Amino acid sequence: MTALIDTCIIVDALQSREPFCHDAQNVFLLCANNTFEGFITAKAVTDIYYLAHRQTHSDPATRDILLKLFSLFGLLDTSASDIRNAITSELTDYEDAVMTETALRSGMKCIVTRNVKDYRKSPVPIYTPAEFIELLT
């Protein structure tokens, strides 16, 4: 199974944000154990860098975090068509619409996010980390 992992899940795991980090870190473990094939968007990487750098205050340390992420998760390019299609999406949050369009074009089977309310009209199935873990185990 292929899954696009939303930025919030990555940051929850990296920054051990309670009460979300345990499920987020379990998603990481399931990916590391090849239970599913996980992806993040290239567009999300700059946000992840920014949030991780705020915690580390070190460019080399933050880049090392990104390298580890890249060894665990594949990267999906966000295309011009994703950006354009998101404009007319039924999703009200534009960033989530872009993520959904990227997932749809890339053939992802689902998106894993805590933000399920903004994805209600997504044509791609949406799971919380807990739901996704239950699905896989």
N, C-alpha and C. Protein backbone atom coordinates (compact mmCIF):
# COMPACT_ATOMS: atom_id res chain seq x y z
N MET A 1 0.84 -1.18 0.00
CA MET A 1 0.00 0.00 0.00
C MET A 1 0.89 1.24 0.00
N THR A 2 0.46 2.24 -0.75
CA THR A 2 1.17 3.53 -0.77
C THR A 2 0.33 4.56 -0.03
N ALA A 3 1.01 5.39 0.75
CA ALA A 3 0.33 6.41 1.54
C ALA A 3 1.12 7.70 1.53
N LEU A 4 0.41 8.80 1.35
CA LEU A 4 1.00 10.13 1.48
C LEU A 4 0.83 10.57 2.92
N ILE A 5 1.93 10.91 3.55
CA ILE A 5 1.92 11.30 4.96
C ILE A 5 1.90 12.82 5.04
N ASP A 6 0.88 13.36 5.70
CA ASP A 6 0.73 14.80 5.82
C ASP A 6 1.83 15.39 6.70
N THR A 7 2.14 16.63 6.46
CA THR A 7 3.20 17.34 7.18
C THR A 7 3.01 17.28 8.69
N CYS A 8 1.77 17.41 9.16
CA CYS A 8 1.53 17.42 10.61
C CYS A 8 1.99 16.12 11.26
N ILE A 9 1.86 15.00 10.56
CA ILE A 9 2.28 13.71 11.12
C ILE A 9 3.80 13.64 11.22
N ILE A 10 4.48 14.15 10.21
CA ILE A 10 5.95 14.18 10.23
C ILE A 10 6.44 15.02 11.41
N VAL A 11 5.86 16.20 11.55
CA VAL A 11 6.29 17.12 12.62
C VAL A 11 5.92 16.55 13.99
N ASP A 12 4.75 15.92 14.12
CA ASP A 12 4.38 15.29 15.39
C ASP A 12 5.44 14.28 15.82
N ALA A 13 5.88 13.47 14.87
CA ALA A 13 6.88 12.44 15.19
C ALA A 13 8.23 13.05 15.52
N LEU A 14 8.68 13.99 14.69
CA LEU A 14 10.01 14.58 14.87
C LEU A 14 10.12 15.40 16.15
N GLN A 15 9.05 16.10 16.50
CA GLN A 15 9.10 16.99 17.66
C GLN A 15 8.45 16.39 18.90
N SER A 16 8.08 15.11 18.82
CA SER A 16 7.45 14.41 19.94
C SER A 16 6.30 15.21 20.53
N ARG A 17 5.44 15.72 19.65
CA ARG A 17 4.31 16.54 20.11
C ARG A 17 3.23 15.64 20.72
N GLU A 18 2.99 15.87 22.00
CA GLU A 18 1.95 15.12 22.72
C GLU A 18 0.59 15.74 22.42
N PRO A 19 -0.42 14.97 22.37
CA PRO A 19 -0.52 13.52 22.54
C PRO A 19 -0.42 12.76 21.22
N PHE A 20 0.06 13.42 20.18
CA PHE A 20 0.02 12.87 18.83
C PHE A 20 1.24 12.03 18.44
N CYS A 21 2.34 12.20 19.15
CA CYS A 21 3.61 11.64 18.70
C CYS A 21 3.65 10.12 18.66
N HIS A 22 2.95 9.46 19.56
CA HIS A 22 3.06 8.00 19.62
C HIS A 22 2.52 7.34 18.34
N ASP A 23 1.34 7.77 17.92
CA ASP A 23 0.81 7.22 16.67
C ASP A 23 1.66 7.63 15.48
N ALA A 24 2.11 8.88 15.46
CA ALA A 24 2.95 9.36 14.35
C ALA A 24 4.24 8.56 14.27
N GLN A 25 4.87 8.31 15.41
CA GLN A 25 6.11 7.54 15.43
C GLN A 25 5.86 6.08 15.02
N ASN A 26 4.69 5.56 15.35
CA ASN A 26 4.35 4.20 14.92
C ASN A 26 4.15 4.14 13.40
N VAL A 27 3.64 5.21 12.81
CA VAL A 27 3.55 5.27 11.35
C VAL A 27 4.96 5.20 10.75
N PHE A 28 5.90 5.93 11.34
CA PHE A 28 7.30 5.88 10.89
C PHE A 28 7.82 4.44 10.98
N LEU A 29 7.57 3.78 12.11
CA LEU A 29 8.07 2.41 12.30
C LEU A 29 7.47 1.44 11.29
N LEU A 30 6.19 1.58 11.02
CA LEU A 30 5.56 0.70 10.04
C LEU A 30 6.15 0.91 8.65
N CYS A 31 6.48 2.14 8.34
CA CYS A 31 7.12 2.42 7.05
C CYS A 31 8.53 1.83 7.03
N ALA A 32 9.27 2.02 8.11
CA ALA A 32 10.63 1.49 8.20
C ALA A 32 10.64 -0.04 8.10
N ASN A 33 9.58 -0.67 8.58
CA ASN A 33 9.47 -2.13 8.53
C ASN A 33 8.83 -2.62 7.23
N ASN A 34 8.69 -1.72 6.26
CA ASN A 34 8.14 -2.04 4.94
C ASN A 34 6.71 -2.59 4.98
N THR A 35 5.94 -2.16 5.98
CA THR A 35 4.54 -2.54 6.06
C THR A 35 3.73 -1.78 5.03
N PHE A 36 4.20 -0.60 4.66
CA PHE A 36 3.60 0.21 3.60
C PHE A 36 4.70 1.06 3.00
N GLU A 37 4.41 1.65 1.86
CA GLU A 37 5.36 2.55 1.21
C GLU A 37 4.88 3.98 1.44
N GLY A 38 5.65 4.74 2.21
CA GLY A 38 5.26 6.08 2.61
C GLY A 38 5.92 7.15 1.75
N PHE A 39 5.19 8.25 1.56
CA PHE A 39 5.67 9.38 0.77
C PHE A 39 5.33 10.69 1.46
N ILE A 40 6.15 11.70 1.18
CA ILE A 40 5.86 13.07 1.54
C ILE A 40 5.98 13.89 0.26
N THR A 41 5.40 15.08 0.27
CA THR A 41 5.51 15.90 -0.93
C THR A 41 6.75 16.78 -0.85
N ALA A 42 7.32 17.04 -2.01
CA ALA A 42 8.47 17.94 -2.07
C ALA A 42 8.08 19.31 -1.54
N LYS A 43 6.84 19.71 -1.80
CA LYS A 43 6.34 20.99 -1.30
C LYS A 43 6.38 21.04 0.23
N ALA A 44 6.12 19.92 0.90
CA ALA A 44 6.09 19.88 2.36
C ALA A 44 7.48 19.98 2.98
N VAL A 45 8.51 19.61 2.22
CA VAL A 45 9.85 19.55 2.79
C VAL A 45 10.32 20.90 3.31
N THR A 46 10.00 21.98 2.62
CA THR A 46 10.44 23.29 3.11
C THR A 46 9.75 23.64 4.43
N ASP A 47 8.48 23.25 4.57
CA ASP A 47 7.78 23.48 5.83
C ASP A 47 8.40 22.64 6.95
N ILE A 48 8.71 21.39 6.64
CA ILE A 48 9.34 20.50 7.62
C ILE A 48 10.70 21.06 8.02
N TYR A 49 11.47 21.52 7.04
CA TYR A 49 12.78 22.12 7.34
C TYR A 49 12.61 23.30 8.30
N TYR A 50 11.68 24.19 7.97
CA TYR A 50 11.47 25.40 8.78
C TYR A 50 11.11 25.03 10.22
N LEU A 51 10.18 24.10 10.39
CA LEU A 51 9.74 23.73 11.74
C LEU A 51 10.82 22.97 12.50
N ALA A 52 11.56 22.12 11.80
CA ALA A 52 12.65 21.38 12.46
C ALA A 52 13.78 22.33 12.84
N HIS A 53 14.09 23.28 11.97
CA HIS A 53 15.17 24.23 12.25
C HIS A 53 14.84 25.11 13.45
N ARG A 54 13.56 25.44 13.63
CA ARG A 54 13.16 26.21 14.81
C ARG A 54 13.46 25.46 16.09
N GLN A 55 13.48 24.14 16.00
CA GLN A 55 13.77 23.33 17.18
C GLN A 55 15.27 23.09 17.34
N THR A 56 15.97 22.82 16.24
CA THR A 56 17.39 22.48 16.34
C THR A 56 18.30 23.71 16.38
N HIS A 57 17.87 24.79 15.73
CA HIS A 57 18.69 26.01 15.58
C HIS A 57 20.02 25.71 14.89
N SER A 58 20.03 24.66 14.08
CA SER A 58 21.26 24.24 13.41
C SER A 58 20.93 23.77 12.00
N ASP A 59 21.51 24.44 11.02
CA ASP A 59 21.28 24.03 9.64
C ASP A 59 21.80 22.61 9.38
N PRO A 60 23.02 22.27 9.79
CA PRO A 60 23.49 20.89 9.54
C PRO A 60 22.61 19.83 10.22
N ALA A 61 22.18 20.09 11.44
CA ALA A 61 21.33 19.13 12.15
C ALA A 61 19.98 18.98 11.45
N THR A 62 19.44 20.08 10.97
CA THR A 62 18.15 20.04 10.28
C THR A 62 18.28 19.31 8.96
N ARG A 63 19.36 19.55 8.24
CA ARG A 63 19.58 18.84 6.98
C ARG A 63 19.76 17.34 7.22
N ASP A 64 20.37 16.98 8.32
CA ASP A 64 20.53 15.58 8.67
C ASP A 64 19.16 14.93 8.93
N ILE A 65 18.28 15.66 9.57
CA ILE A 65 16.90 15.17 9.78
C ILE A 65 16.23 14.91 8.44
N LEU A 66 16.39 15.87 7.51
CA LEU A 66 15.78 15.69 6.18
C LEU A 66 16.37 14.49 5.47
N LEU A 67 17.67 14.30 5.54
CA LEU A 67 18.29 13.13 4.89
C LEU A 67 17.73 11.82 5.44
N LYS A 68 17.51 11.78 6.74
CA LYS A 68 16.92 10.58 7.35
C LYS A 68 15.48 10.39 6.88
N LEU A 69 14.74 11.48 6.80
CA LEU A 69 13.37 11.39 6.28
C LEU A 69 13.37 10.85 4.85
N PHE A 70 14.30 11.34 4.03
CA PHE A 70 14.37 10.92 2.63
C PHE A 70 14.74 9.45 2.50
N SER A 71 15.45 8.90 3.49
CA SER A 71 15.78 7.48 3.44
C SER A 71 14.59 6.62 3.85
N LEU A 72 13.64 7.22 4.55
CA LEU A 72 12.46 6.49 5.02
C LEU A 72 11.27 6.66 4.08
N PHE A 73 11.03 7.90 3.65
CA PHE A 73 9.87 8.22 2.82
C PHE A 73 10.31 8.64 1.43
N GLY A 74 9.54 8.23 0.44
CA GLY A 74 9.76 8.72 -0.91
C GLY A 74 9.25 10.15 -1.04
N LEU A 75 9.71 10.82 -2.07
CA LEU A 75 9.28 12.20 -2.33
C LEU A 75 8.40 12.25 -3.56
N LEU A 76 7.30 12.97 -3.46
CA LEU A 76 6.41 13.19 -4.59
C LEU A 76 6.51 14.65 -5.01
N ASP A 77 6.74 14.87 -6.29
CA ASP A 77 6.74 16.24 -6.80
C ASP A 77 5.33 16.77 -6.84
N THR A 78 5.18 18.04 -6.52
CA THR A 78 3.93 18.74 -6.72
C THR A 78 4.03 19.43 -8.06
N SER A 79 3.11 19.12 -8.95
CA SER A 79 3.18 19.63 -10.31
C SER A 79 2.33 20.89 -10.49
N ALA A 80 2.56 21.55 -11.61
CA ALA A 80 1.75 22.72 -11.95
C ALA A 80 0.28 22.33 -12.06
N SER A 81 0.01 21.14 -12.59
CA SER A 81 -1.39 20.71 -12.70
C SER A 81 -2.02 20.49 -11.33
N ASP A 82 -1.23 20.02 -10.35
CA ASP A 82 -1.76 19.87 -8.99
C ASP A 82 -2.18 21.23 -8.43
N ILE A 83 -1.33 22.23 -8.66
CA ILE A 83 -1.60 23.58 -8.17
C ILE A 83 -2.86 24.14 -8.84
N ARG A 84 -2.96 23.94 -10.13
CA ARG A 84 -4.14 24.45 -10.87
C ARG A 84 -5.41 23.70 -10.47
N ASN A 85 -5.33 22.39 -10.39
CA ASN A 85 -6.52 21.60 -10.05
C ASN A 85 -7.01 21.89 -8.64
N ALA A 86 -6.11 22.23 -7.75
CA ALA A 86 -6.49 22.52 -6.37
C ALA A 86 -7.36 23.77 -6.27
N ILE A 87 -7.20 24.68 -7.22
CA ILE A 87 -8.01 25.91 -7.22
C ILE A 87 -9.50 25.58 -7.29
N THR A 88 -9.86 24.58 -8.06
CA THR A 88 -11.27 24.24 -8.24
C THR A 88 -11.70 23.04 -7.40
N SER A 89 -10.85 22.63 -6.49
CA SER A 89 -11.16 21.50 -5.62
C SER A 89 -12.32 21.83 -4.69
N GLU A 90 -13.04 20.78 -4.30
CA GLU A 90 -14.09 20.96 -3.31
C GLU A 90 -13.54 21.11 -1.90
N LEU A 91 -12.26 20.83 -1.70
CA LEU A 91 -11.66 21.03 -0.39
C LEU A 91 -11.48 22.52 -0.15
N THR A 92 -11.86 22.99 1.03
CA THR A 92 -11.83 24.42 1.31
C THR A 92 -10.43 24.92 1.69
N ASP A 93 -9.58 24.05 2.20
CA ASP A 93 -8.21 24.44 2.55
C ASP A 93 -7.32 24.20 1.33
N TYR A 94 -6.76 25.27 0.79
CA TYR A 94 -5.99 25.16 -0.46
C TYR A 94 -4.78 24.24 -0.32
N GLU A 95 -4.04 24.37 0.76
CA GLU A 95 -2.85 23.51 0.94
C GLU A 95 -3.24 22.03 0.96
N ASP A 96 -4.34 21.72 1.62
CA ASP A 96 -4.81 20.34 1.65
C ASP A 96 -5.30 19.89 0.28
N ALA A 97 -5.88 20.82 -0.47
CA ALA A 97 -6.32 20.51 -1.84
C ALA A 97 -5.11 20.19 -2.72
N VAL A 98 -4.02 20.94 -2.55
CA VAL A 98 -2.80 20.67 -3.31
C VAL A 98 -2.25 19.28 -2.94
N MET A 99 -2.24 18.97 -1.65
CA MET A 99 -1.77 17.66 -1.20
C MET A 99 -2.63 16.56 -1.80
N THR A 100 -3.93 16.76 -1.81
CA THR A 100 -4.85 15.76 -2.36
C THR A 100 -4.63 15.58 -3.86
N GLU A 101 -4.46 16.67 -4.57
CA GLU A 101 -4.23 16.57 -6.02
C GLU A 101 -2.92 15.84 -6.31
N THR A 102 -1.89 16.09 -5.52
CA THR A 102 -0.61 15.39 -5.68
C THR A 102 -0.79 13.90 -5.42
N ALA A 103 -1.52 13.57 -4.35
CA ALA A 103 -1.77 12.17 -4.02
C ALA A 103 -2.57 11.47 -5.12
N LEU A 104 -3.58 12.15 -5.61
CA LEU A 104 -4.43 11.59 -6.66
C LEU A 104 -3.63 11.32 -7.94
N ARG A 105 -2.87 12.32 -8.38
CA ARG A 105 -2.08 12.17 -9.61
C ARG A 105 -1.01 11.09 -9.45
N SER A 106 -0.48 10.94 -8.25
CA SER A 106 0.61 9.99 -8.00
C SER A 106 0.12 8.59 -7.69
N GLY A 107 -1.19 8.40 -7.64
CA GLY A 107 -1.72 7.07 -7.40
C GLY A 107 -1.64 6.59 -5.96
N MET A 108 -1.59 7.52 -5.02
CA MET A 108 -1.55 7.12 -3.61
C MET A 108 -2.89 6.48 -3.23
N LYS A 109 -2.82 5.47 -2.39
CA LYS A 109 -4.03 4.77 -1.95
C LYS A 109 -4.73 5.52 -0.82
N CYS A 110 -3.98 6.38 -0.10
CA CYS A 110 -4.59 7.14 0.99
C CYS A 110 -3.67 8.27 1.42
N ILE A 111 -4.23 9.13 2.25
CA ILE A 111 -3.48 10.20 2.92
C ILE A 111 -3.65 10.00 4.41
N VAL A 112 -2.55 10.10 5.15
CA VAL A 112 -2.58 9.97 6.61
C VAL A 112 -2.39 11.36 7.20
N THR A 113 -3.38 11.79 8.00
CA THR A 113 -3.37 13.14 8.56
C THR A 113 -4.17 13.17 9.85
N ARG A 114 -3.89 14.15 10.69
CA ARG A 114 -4.75 14.42 11.85
C ARG A 114 -5.90 15.33 11.45
N ASN A 115 -5.75 16.01 10.35
CA ASN A 115 -6.65 17.06 9.93
C ASN A 115 -7.77 16.51 9.03
N VAL A 116 -8.50 15.52 9.52
CA VAL A 116 -9.49 14.86 8.67
C VAL A 116 -10.65 15.78 8.28
N LYS A 117 -10.99 16.75 9.10
CA LYS A 117 -12.15 17.60 8.78
C LYS A 117 -11.94 18.40 7.50
N ASP A 118 -10.72 18.85 7.24
CA ASP A 118 -10.46 19.62 6.03
C ASP A 118 -10.37 18.74 4.78
N TYR A 119 -10.28 17.43 4.98
CA TYR A 119 -10.18 16.49 3.85
C TYR A 119 -11.49 15.75 3.59
N ARG A 120 -12.58 16.18 4.20
CA ARG A 120 -13.85 15.46 4.10
C ARG A 120 -14.27 15.16 2.66
N LYS A 121 -14.00 16.07 1.75
CA LYS A 121 -14.43 15.89 0.36
C LYS A 121 -13.31 15.35 -0.54
N SER A 122 -12.28 14.80 0.06
CA SER A 122 -11.15 14.27 -0.70
C SER A 122 -11.55 13.03 -1.48
N PRO A 123 -11.16 12.95 -2.76
CA PRO A 123 -11.39 11.73 -3.52
C PRO A 123 -10.42 10.61 -3.13
N VAL A 124 -9.39 10.95 -2.37
CA VAL A 124 -8.41 9.97 -1.87
C VAL A 124 -8.82 9.62 -0.44
N PRO A 125 -8.88 8.34 -0.09
CA PRO A 125 -9.24 7.98 1.29
C PRO A 125 -8.31 8.63 2.32
N ILE A 126 -8.91 9.04 3.43
CA ILE A 126 -8.18 9.74 4.49
C ILE A 126 -8.24 8.90 5.76
N TYR A 127 -7.08 8.78 6.43
CA TYR A 127 -7.02 8.07 7.71
C TYR A 127 -6.26 8.90 8.72
N THR A 128 -6.71 8.84 9.97
CA THR A 128 -5.88 9.36 11.05
C THR A 128 -4.75 8.36 11.24
N PRO A 129 -3.69 8.74 11.93
CA PRO A 129 -2.63 7.77 12.19
C PRO A 129 -3.15 6.51 12.90
N ALA A 130 -4.03 6.68 13.90
CA ALA A 130 -4.56 5.52 14.62
C ALA A 130 -5.35 4.61 13.69
N GLU A 131 -6.18 5.19 12.84
CA GLU A 131 -6.95 4.40 11.88
C GLU A 131 -6.04 3.67 10.89
N PHE A 132 -4.99 4.36 10.45
CA PHE A 132 -4.06 3.77 9.51
C PHE A 132 -3.30 2.61 10.14
N ILE A 133 -2.85 2.79 11.37
CA ILE A 133 -2.15 1.73 12.08
C ILE A 133 -3.06 0.52 12.22
N GLU A 134 -4.31 0.75 12.60
CA GLU A 134 -5.27 -0.35 12.74
C GLU A 134 -5.49 -1.06 11.41
N LEU A 135 -5.59 -0.29 10.34
CA LEU A 135 -5.76 -0.86 9.01
C LEU A 135 -4.60 -1.78 8.64
N LEU A 136 -3.40 -1.36 8.97
CA LEU A 136 -2.21 -2.13 8.58
C LEU A 136 -1.91 -3.30 9.50
N THR A 137 -2.38 -3.23 10.74
CA THR A 137 -2.08 -4.30 11.68
C THR A 137 -3.34 -5.07 11.95
